[in-house]
C-alpha atoms as a PDB file:
ATOM      1  CA  GLY A   1    -169.262   9.232  99.542  1.00  0.00           C
ATOM      2  CA  MET A   2    -167.045   8.136 102.376  1.00  0.00           C
ATOM      3  CA  VAL A   3    -165.250   6.497  99.688  1.00  0.00           C
ATOM      4  CA  MET A   4    -164.380   9.908  97.982  1.00  0.00           C
ATOM      5  CA  PHE A   5    -163.616  11.512 101.152  1.00  0.00           C
ATOM      6  CA  ILE A   6    -161.316   8.968 102.399  1.00  0.00           C
ATOM      7  CA  VAL A   7    -159.180   8.561  99.229  1.00  0.00           C
ATOM      8  CA  SER A   8    -159.645  12.365  98.503  1.00  0.00           C
ATOM      9  CA  PHE A   9    -158.031  13.685 101.942  1.00  0.00           C
ATOM     10  CA  PHE A  10    -156.010  10.271 102.934  1.00  0.00           C
ATOM     11  CA  ILE A  11    -154.422   8.941 100.205  1.00  0.00           C
ATOM     12  CA  TYR A  12    -154.336  11.427  97.161  1.00  0.00           C
ATOM     13  CA  LYS A  13    -152.117  13.617  98.643  1.00  0.00           C
ATOM     14  CA  ARG A  14    -149.265  11.273  99.775  1.00  0.00           C
ATOM     15  CA  LEU A  15    -149.150   9.309  96.845  1.00  0.00           C
ATOM     16  CA  LEU A  16    -148.838  13.050  95.018  1.00  0.00           C
ATOM     17  CA  ARG A  17    -146.561  14.141  96.803  1.00  0.00           C
ATOM     18  CA  CYS A  18    -144.872  10.622  96.984  1.00  0.00           C
ATOM     19  CA  CYS A  19    -144.943   9.731  93.207  1.00  0.00           C
ATOM     20  CA  GLY A  20    -146.068  13.083  91.576  1.00  0.00           C
ATOM     21  CA  LEU A  21    -149.041  13.726  89.379  1.00  0.00           C
ATOM     22  CA  ARG A  22    -148.260  11.272  86.436  1.00  0.00           C
ATOM     23  CA  VAL A  23    -148.083   8.315  88.510  1.00  0.00           C
ATOM     24  CA  VAL A  24    -151.131   9.374  90.227  1.00  0.00           C
ATOM     25  CA  VAL A  25    -152.934   9.132  87.041  1.00  0.00           C
ATOM     26  CA  ILE A  26    -151.521   6.044  86.145  1.00  0.00           C
ATOM     27  CA  VAL A  27    -152.668   4.417  89.348  1.00  0.00           C
ATOM     28  CA  GLY A  28    -155.971   5.649  89.368  1.00  0.00           C
ATOM     29  CA  THR A  29    -156.677   4.886  85.991  1.00  0.00           C
ATOM     30  CA  LEU A  30    -155.750   1.148  87.088  1.00  0.00           C
ATOM     31  CA  VAL A  31    -157.563   0.939  90.229  1.00  0.00           C
ATOM     32  CA  ARG A  32    -160.499   2.495  88.435  1.00  0.00           C
ATOM     33  CA  VAL A  33    -160.238  -0.301  85.007  1.00  0.00           C
ATOM     34  CA  GLY A  34    -159.467  -2.558  87.722  1.00  0.00           C
ATOM     35  CA  GLY A  35    -163.087  -2.162  89.292  1.00  0.00           C
ATOM     36  CA  PHE A  36    -165.025  -2.183  85.901  1.00  0.00           C
ATOM     37  CA  VAL A  37    -163.017  -5.296  85.303  1.00  0.00           C
ATOM     38  CA  TRP A  38    -164.423  -6.701  88.359  1.00  0.00           C
ATOM     39  CA  MET A  39    -167.786  -5.639  88.276  1.00  0.00           C
ATOM     40  CA  PRO A  40    -168.965  -8.208  85.447  1.00  0.00           C
ATOM     41  CA  PHE A  41    -167.831 -11.075  87.732  1.00  0.00           C
ATOM     42  CA  ALA A  42    -169.454  -9.686  90.627  1.00  0.00           C
ATOM     43  CA  SER A  43    -171.405 -12.746  92.199  1.00  0.00           C
ATOM     44  CA  SER A  44    -173.301 -10.726  94.991  1.00  0.00           C
ATOM     45  CA  THR A  45    -174.502  -7.355  95.669  1.00  0.00           C
ATOM     46  CA  MET A  46    -171.704  -7.018  98.372  1.00  0.00           C
ATOM     47  CA  THR A  47    -168.623  -7.737  95.401  1.00  0.00           C
ATOM     48  CA  PHE A  48    -170.202  -5.484  92.830  1.00  0.00           C
ATOM     49  CA  ALA A  49    -170.565  -2.647  95.550  1.00  0.00           C
ATOM     50  CA  ALA A  50    -166.923  -3.426  96.553  1.00  0.00           C
ATOM     51  CA  ALA A  51    -166.008  -3.203  92.656  1.00  0.00           C
ATOM     52  CA  LEU A  52    -167.933   0.049  92.760  1.00  0.00           C
ATOM     53  CA  PHE A  53    -165.863   0.827  96.015  1.00  0.00           C
ATOM     54  CA  VAL A  54    -162.816   0.296  93.755  1.00  0.00           C
ATOM     55  CA  VAL A  55    -163.753   2.192  90.666  1.00  0.00           C
ATOM     56  CA  VAL A  56    -164.694   5.280  92.813  1.00  0.00           C
ATOM     57  CA  SER A  57    -161.178   5.397  94.347  1.00  0.00           C
ATOM     58  CA  GLY A  58    -159.407   5.078  91.118  1.00  0.00           C
ATOM     59  CA  THR A  59    -161.863   8.368  90.046  1.00  0.00           C
ATOM     60  CA  GLN A  60    -160.900  10.348  93.062  1.00  0.00           C
ATOM     61  CA  LEU A  61    -157.357   9.839  91.892  1.00  0.00           C
ATOM     62  CA  ILE A  62    -157.184  11.200  88.545  1.00  0.00           C
ATOM     63  CA  THR A  63    -160.215  13.846  88.870  1.00  0.00           C
ATOM     64  CA  PRO A  64    -158.115  16.288  90.646  1.00  0.00           C
ATOM     65  CA  SER A  65    -155.043  15.596  88.624  1.00  0.00           C
ATOM     66  CA  VAL A  66    -156.816  16.452  85.594  1.00  0.00           C
ATOM     67  CA  SER A  67    -158.132  19.636  87.317  1.00  0.00           C
ATOM     68  CA  SER A  68    -154.473  20.382  88.568  1.00  0.00           C
ATOM     69  CA  LEU A  69    -153.312  19.537  85.044  1.00  0.00           C
ATOM     70  CA  LEU A  70    -155.875  21.436  83.409  1.00  0.00           C
ATOM     71  CA  THR A  71    -154.473  24.892  85.359  1.00  0.00           C
ATOM     72  CA  SER A  72    -150.933  23.973  85.013  1.00  0.00           C
ATOM     73  CA  MET A  73    -151.882  24.084  81.175  1.00  0.00           C
ATOM     74  CA  VAL A  74    -154.053  27.533  80.464  1.00  0.00           C
ATOM     75  CA  PRO A  75    -153.237  30.940  81.566  1.00  0.00           C
ATOM     76  CA  GLU A  76    -154.278  32.230  84.692  1.00  0.00           C
ATOM     77  CA  THR A  77    -156.777  34.377  83.388  1.00  0.00           C
ATOM     78  CA  ILE A  78    -158.876  31.437  81.989  1.00  0.00           C
ATOM     79  CA  TYR A  79    -158.970  28.841  84.759  1.00  0.00           C
ATOM     80  CA  GLY A  80    -162.780  30.005  85.173  1.00  0.00           C
ATOM     81  CA  ARG A  81    -163.155  29.030  81.840  1.00  0.00           C
ATOM     82  CA  ALA A  82    -161.171  25.754  81.396  1.00  0.00           C
ATOM     83  CA  LEU A  83    -162.634  24.400  84.742  1.00  0.00           C
ATOM     84  CA  SER A  84    -166.053  25.109  84.165  1.00  0.00           C
ATOM     85  CA  ARG A  85    -165.626  23.400  80.600  1.00  0.00           C
ATOM     86  CA  GLN A  86    -163.848  20.272  82.113  1.00  0.00           C
ATOM     87  CA  GLN A  87    -167.112  20.227  84.606  1.00  0.00           C
ATOM     88  CA  ALA A  88    -169.665  20.582  81.822  1.00  0.00           C
ATOM     89  CA  THR A  89    -167.768  17.822  80.087  1.00  0.00           C
ATOM     90  CA  GLN A  90    -168.097  15.813  83.255  1.00  0.00           C
ATOM     91  CA  THR A  91    -171.696  16.893  83.404  1.00  0.00           C
ATOM     92  CA  MET A  92    -172.310  15.580  80.008  1.00  0.00           C
ATOM     93  CA  ALA A  93    -170.685  12.365  80.539  1.00  0.00           C
ATOM     94  CA  ARG A  94    -172.655  11.902  83.768  1.00  0.00           C
ATOM     95  CA  VAL A  95    -176.110  12.953  81.787  1.00  0.00           C
ATOM     96  CA  LEU A  96    -175.462  10.890  78.410  1.00  0.00           C
ATOM     97  CA  GLY A  97    -173.235   7.971  80.063  1.00  0.00           C
ATOM     98  CA  PRO A  98    -176.255   6.475  81.677  1.00  0.00           C
ATOM     99  CA  ILE A  99    -178.532   7.041  78.803  1.00  0.00           C
ATOM    100  CA  ILE A 100    -176.458   5.497  76.430  1.00  0.00           C
ATOM    101  CA  LEU A 101    -174.831   2.687  78.163  1.00  0.00           C
ATOM    102  CA  GLY A 102    -177.894   1.728  80.545  1.00  0.00           C
ATOM    103  CA  LYS A 103    -179.841   0.925  77.324  1.00  0.00           C
ATOM    104  CA  THR A 104    -177.002  -1.438  76.896  1.00  0.00           C
ATOM    105  CA  TYR A 105    -176.977  -2.665  79.626  1.00  0.00           C
ATOM    106  CA  ASP A 106    -180.548  -3.549  80.068  1.00  0.00           C
ATOM    107  CA  LYS A 107    -181.549  -4.599  76.688  1.00  0.00           C
ATOM    108  CA  VAL A 108    -178.261  -5.912  75.261  1.00  0.00           C
ATOM    109  CA  ASP A 109    -175.570  -7.390  77.668  1.00  0.00           C
ATOM    110  CA  HIS A 110    -174.327  -5.759  80.737  1.00  0.00           C
ATOM    111  CA  LYS A 111    -171.289  -6.980  80.397  1.00  0.00           C
ATOM    112  CA  ILE A 112    -170.729  -4.592  77.114  1.00  0.00           C
ATOM    113  CA  SER A 113    -171.300  -1.397  78.693  1.00  0.00           C
ATOM    114  CA  LEU A 114    -168.589  -2.278  81.305  1.00  0.00           C
ATOM    115  CA  TYR A 115    -166.004  -2.961  78.608  1.00  0.00           C
ATOM    116  CA  VAL A 116    -167.017   0.352  77.064  1.00  0.00           C
ATOM    117  CA  LEU A 117    -166.434   1.698  80.521  1.00  0.00           C
ATOM    118  CA  THR A 118    -163.151   0.023  80.966  1.00  0.00           C
ATOM    119  CA  VAL A 119    -161.580   1.361  77.441  1.00  0.00           C
ATOM    120  CA  ALA A 120    -163.009   4.513  77.772  1.00  0.00           C
ATOM    121  CA  THR A 121    -160.985   4.887  80.892  1.00  0.00           C
ATOM    122  CA  LEU A 122    -157.851   3.443  79.509  1.00  0.00           C
ATOM    123  CA  ILE A 123    -157.769   5.659  77.009  1.00  0.00           C
ATOM    124  CA  ALA A 124    -158.372   8.880  78.893  1.00  0.00           C
ATOM    125  CA  GLY A 125    -155.979   7.900  81.346  1.00  0.00           C
ATOM    126  CA  ILE A 126    -152.931   6.952  78.420  1.00  0.00           C
ATOM    127  CA  LEU A 127    -153.906  10.531  77.200  1.00  0.00           C
ATOM    128  CA  ILE A 128    -153.446  12.256  80.193  1.00  0.00           C
ATOM    129  CA  SER A 129    -150.360  10.505  80.916  1.00  0.00           C
ATOM    130  CA  LEU A 130    -149.222  11.625  77.782  1.00  0.00           C
ATOM    131  CA  VAL A 131    -149.339  15.310  78.464  1.00  0.00           C
ATOM    132  CA  PRO A 132    -145.713  17.091  77.794  1.00  0.00           C
ATOM    133  CA  LYS A 133    -143.763  17.437  81.107  1.00  0.00           C
ATOM    134  CA  LYS A 134    -143.576  20.928  80.823  1.00  0.00           C
ATOM    135  CA  TYR A 135    -146.955  21.088  81.785  1.00  0.00           C
ATOM    136  CA  ILE A 136    -146.843  19.310  84.953  1.00  0.00           C
ATOM    137  CA  PRO A 137    -146.662  20.428  87.872  1.00  0.00           C
ATOM    138  CA  THR A 138    -143.473  19.763  89.926  1.00  0.00           C
ATOM    139  CA  SER A 139    -144.144  18.696  93.675  1.00  0.00           C
ATOM    140  CA  THR A 140    -141.685  18.327  96.940  1.00  0.00           C
ATOM    141  CA  ALA A 141    -141.188  14.793  96.040  1.00  0.00           C
ATOM    142  CA  THR A 142    -139.503  15.481  92.751  1.00  0.00           C
ATOM    143  CA  ARG A 143    -137.028  17.914  94.348  1.00  0.00           C
ATOM    144  CA  SER A 144    -136.514  16.032  97.494  1.00  0.00           C
ATOM    145  CA  GLY A 145    -136.369  12.474  96.061  1.00  0.00           C
ATOM    146  CA  GLY A 146    -139.231  10.684  97.404  1.00  0.00           C
ATOM    147  CA  CYS A 147    -141.591   9.669 100.243  1.00  0.00           C
ATOM    148  CA  ALA A 148    -139.324   9.833 103.129  1.00  0.00           C
ATOM    149  CA  ALA A 149    -138.461  13.308 102.955  1.00  0.00           C
ATOM    150  CA  VAL A 150    -142.129  14.919 102.817  1.00  0.00           C
ATOM    151  CA  ALA A 151    -144.266  16.078 105.326  1.00  0.00           C
ATOM    152  CA  ASP A 152    -147.918  15.065 105.077  1.00  0.00           C
ATOM    153  CA  ASP A 153    -148.848  18.930 105.713  1.00  0.00           C
ATOM    154  CA  ALA A 154    -145.929  20.470 103.226  1.00  0.00           C
ATOM    155  CA  GLU A 155    -146.896  22.100 100.405  1.00  0.00           C
ATOM    156  CA  PRO A 156    -145.666  21.872  96.745  1.00  0.00           C
ATOM    157  CA  SER A 157    -142.599  23.276  95.387  1.00  0.00           C
ATOM    158  CA  GLY A 158    -142.290  25.192  92.494  1.00  0.00           C
ATOM    159  CA  GLN A 159    -145.509  26.241  92.159  1.00  0.00           C
ATOM    160  CA  GLN A 160    -146.595  30.140  91.060  1.00  0.00           C
ATOM    161  CA  PRO A 161    -149.556  31.327  93.933  1.00  0.00           C
ATOM    162  CA  GLY A 162    -152.645  29.884  92.718  1.00  0.00           C
ATOM    163  CA  LYS A 163    -150.667  27.217  90.687  1.00  0.00           C
ATOM    164  CA  ALA A 164    -150.615  24.660  94.008  1.00  0.00           C
ATOM    165  CA  ILE A 165    -151.333  20.842  93.587  1.00  0.00           C
ATOM    166  CA  ASP A 166    -155.015  20.386  94.100  1.00  0.00           C
ATOM    167  CA  SER A 167    -155.746  18.687  97.275  1.00  0.00           C
ATOM    168  CA  GLY A 168    -158.192  16.003  95.957  1.00  0.00           C
ATOM    169  CA  ALA A 169    -161.303  17.664  97.591  1.00  0.00           C
ATOM    170  CA  SER A 170    -162.702  17.540  94.135  1.00  0.00           C
ATOM    171  CA  SER A 171    -165.743  15.029  93.721  1.00  0.00           C
ATOM    172  CA  GLY A 172    -166.165  14.716  90.028  1.00  0.00           C
ATOM    173  CA  SER A 173    -166.437  11.308  88.911  1.00  0.00           C
ATOM    174  CA  ALA A 174    -166.381  11.148  84.626  1.00  0.00           C
ATOM    175  CA  VAL A 175    -163.012  10.630  82.983  1.00  0.00           C
END
């Protein structure tokens, strides 16, 4: 929970304003993949926990970005439906993932399930990063030229009311 809080409230917003949504998704994907790749090689509970913190950090960069992209791609009249389907998909992944990959982890080889998660994360990250530019919300960074000119509390520009870029307070974990 603490890692989710730190990433959501201190890292996500700054990275979003500095680099834009597409870069945040790519960074989140690479961070999450790095954690999954590290896990099979963890030699102790502490190193496994550290790898898990890396996975959670990447997830916290990806999830609010996906929500923001989703709301920029659908009409305002169906935001609720679109976001509830996103949550339902994440919930299904949280339920079915451990059932399927847990059996693989226990009965076949624990590394295989972690590699499946790595590949799934890469595929999802690539697909998300391929969203056409017209659907990607603009931020102050893209208008003003980067991080240096952006204050922490500045709001994204170019957004319609109700279409502001998510502040990162989401707590989902599936991608």
